[in-house]
C-alpha atoms as a PDB file:
ATOM      1  CA  ARG A   1      97.186 149.378  46.991  1.00  0.00           C
ATOM      2  CA  GLN A   2      96.168 151.763  49.828  1.00  0.00           C
ATOM      3  CA  HIS A   3      96.630 148.523  52.086  1.00  0.00           C
ATOM      4  CA  TYR A   4     100.594 148.365  50.926  1.00  0.00           C
ATOM      5  CA  GLN A   5     101.349 152.268  50.731  1.00  0.00           C
ATOM      6  CA  HIS A   6      99.494 153.366  53.879  1.00  0.00           C
ATOM      7  CA  LEU A   7      97.668 150.512  56.142  1.00  0.00           C
ATOM      8  CA  MET A   8     100.485 148.073  56.658  1.00  0.00           C
ATOM      9  CA  PRO A   9     103.203 151.044  56.946  1.00  0.00           C
ATOM     10  CA  GLU A  10     101.081 152.575  60.325  1.00  0.00           C
ATOM     11  CA  ILE A  11     100.862 149.106  61.507  1.00  0.00           C
ATOM     12  CA  PHE A  12     104.413 148.735  61.696  1.00  0.00           C
ATOM     13  CA  ARG A  13     104.942 152.226  63.086  1.00  0.00           C
ATOM     14  CA  GLN A  14     102.670 151.065  65.621  1.00  0.00           C
ATOM     15  CA  LEU A  15     104.370 148.029  66.729  1.00  0.00           C
ATOM     16  CA  GLN A  16     107.781 149.881  66.668  1.00  0.00           C
ATOM     17  CA  GLU A  17     106.279 152.024  68.863  1.00  0.00           C
ATOM     18  CA  LEU A  18     105.024 149.473  71.357  1.00  0.00           C
ATOM     19  CA  ASP A  19     108.131 147.546  71.499  1.00  0.00           C
ATOM     20  CA  GLU A  20     110.355 151.048  72.245  1.00  0.00           C
ATOM     21  CA  LYS A  21     107.542 151.178  74.987  1.00  0.00           C
ATOM     22  CA  ARG A  22     108.187 148.100  76.293  1.00  0.00           C
ATOM     23  CA  ILE A  23     111.872 148.818  76.052  1.00  0.00           C
ATOM     24  CA  ARG A  24     112.054 151.990  78.076  1.00  0.00           C
ATOM     25  CA  ASN A  25     109.663 150.274  80.588  1.00  0.00           C
ATOM     26  CA  ILE A  26     112.186 147.205  80.921  1.00  0.00           C
ATOM     27  CA  ARG A  27     114.946 149.935  81.626  1.00  0.00           C
ATOM     28  CA  ASN A  28     113.021 152.001  84.103  1.00  0.00           C
ATOM     29  CA  PHE A  29     112.439 148.829  86.081  1.00  0.00           C
ATOM     30  CA  MET A  30     116.139 147.884  86.209  1.00  0.00           C
ATOM     31  CA  VAL A  31     116.957 151.567  87.065  1.00  0.00           C
ATOM     32  CA  GLN A  32     114.571 151.394  89.911  1.00  0.00           C
ATOM     33  CA  SER A  33     115.285 148.110  91.068  1.00  0.00           C
ATOM     34  CA  VAL A  34     119.142 149.366  91.486  1.00  0.00           C
ATOM     35  CA  GLU A  35     118.207 152.369  93.360  1.00  0.00           C
ATOM     36  CA  VAL A  36     115.844 150.112  95.509  1.00  0.00           C
ATOM     37  CA  GLU A  37     118.657 147.510  96.167  1.00  0.00           C
ATOM     38  CA  ARG A  38     120.988 150.507  97.039  1.00  0.00           C
ATOM     39  CA  ASN A  39     118.848 151.817  99.453  1.00  0.00           C
ATOM     40  CA  VAL A  40     118.002 148.261 101.295  1.00  0.00           C
ATOM     41  CA  PHE A  41     122.277 147.642 101.278  1.00  0.00           C
ATOM     42  CA  PRO A  42     122.337 150.150 104.343  1.00  0.00           C
ATOM     43  CA  ILE A  43     120.032 148.100 106.260  1.00  0.00           C
ATOM     44  CA  ILE A  44     121.366 144.604 105.521  1.00  0.00           C
ATOM     45  CA  ASN A  45     124.587 145.960 106.620  1.00  0.00           C
ATOM     46  CA  GLN A  46     123.311 147.404 109.828  1.00  0.00           C
ATOM     47  CA  CYS A  47     121.885 143.688 110.238  1.00  0.00           C
ATOM     48  CA  LEU A  48     125.098 142.153 109.766  1.00  0.00           C
ATOM     49  CA  ASP A  49     126.945 144.365 111.653  1.00  0.00           C
ATOM     50  CA  GLY A  50     124.397 143.151 114.591  1.00  0.00           C
ATOM     51  CA  ILE A  51     125.007 139.962 113.857  1.00  0.00           C
ATOM     52  CA  VAL A  52     128.723 139.983 114.485  1.00  0.00           C
ATOM     53  CA  VAL A  53     128.257 142.021 117.486  1.00  0.00           C
ATOM     54  CA  ALA A  54     126.088 139.166 118.875  1.00  0.00           C
ATOM     55  CA  ALA A  55     128.104 136.587 117.653  1.00  0.00           C
ATOM     56  CA  LYS A  56     131.231 138.123 119.478  1.00  0.00           C
ATOM     57  CA  GLN A  57     129.561 138.028 122.847  1.00  0.00           C
ATOM     58  CA  ILE A  58     128.892 134.562 123.021  1.00  0.00           C
ATOM     59  CA  ASN A  59     130.288 132.705 125.690  1.00  0.00           C
ATOM     60  CA  GLU A  60     130.908 129.234 125.139  1.00  0.00           C
ATOM     61  CA  LYS A  61     131.255 127.862 128.733  1.00  0.00           C
ATOM     62  CA  GLU A  62     128.194 129.771 129.666  1.00  0.00           C
ATOM     63  CA  VAL A  63     125.777 128.172 126.647  1.00  0.00           C
ATOM     64  CA  LEU A  64     127.094 124.551 127.995  1.00  0.00           C
ATOM     65  CA  GLY A  65     126.434 125.342 131.328  1.00  0.00           C
ATOM     66  CA  ARG A  66     122.779 126.427 130.400  1.00  0.00           C
ATOM     67  CA  GLN A  67     122.778 123.041 128.384  1.00  0.00           C
ATOM     68  CA  LEU A  68     123.856 120.710 130.932  1.00  0.00           C
ATOM     69  CA  SER A  69     121.335 122.422 133.582  1.00  0.00           C
ATOM     70  CA  LEU A  70     118.415 121.830 131.298  1.00  0.00           C
ATOM     71  CA  CYS A  71     119.846 118.004 131.014  1.00  0.00           C
ATOM     72  CA  LEU A  72     119.441 117.882 135.034  1.00  0.00           C
END
């Protein structure tokens, strides 16, 4: 009788608390992941801007001339 009236309800309560804690931790992980991504985006954009600037400075005639001089 004590098993069904006291022990089982306590076990179910503890299981529910564990599930709630697990869900809370998942929620916190998701929020922190988004915050980290948001902080990284400006750095990535700056790198991409640098790549575009460097790519626009490529002179195909100069590159081809260097390649040809290496072959000779």
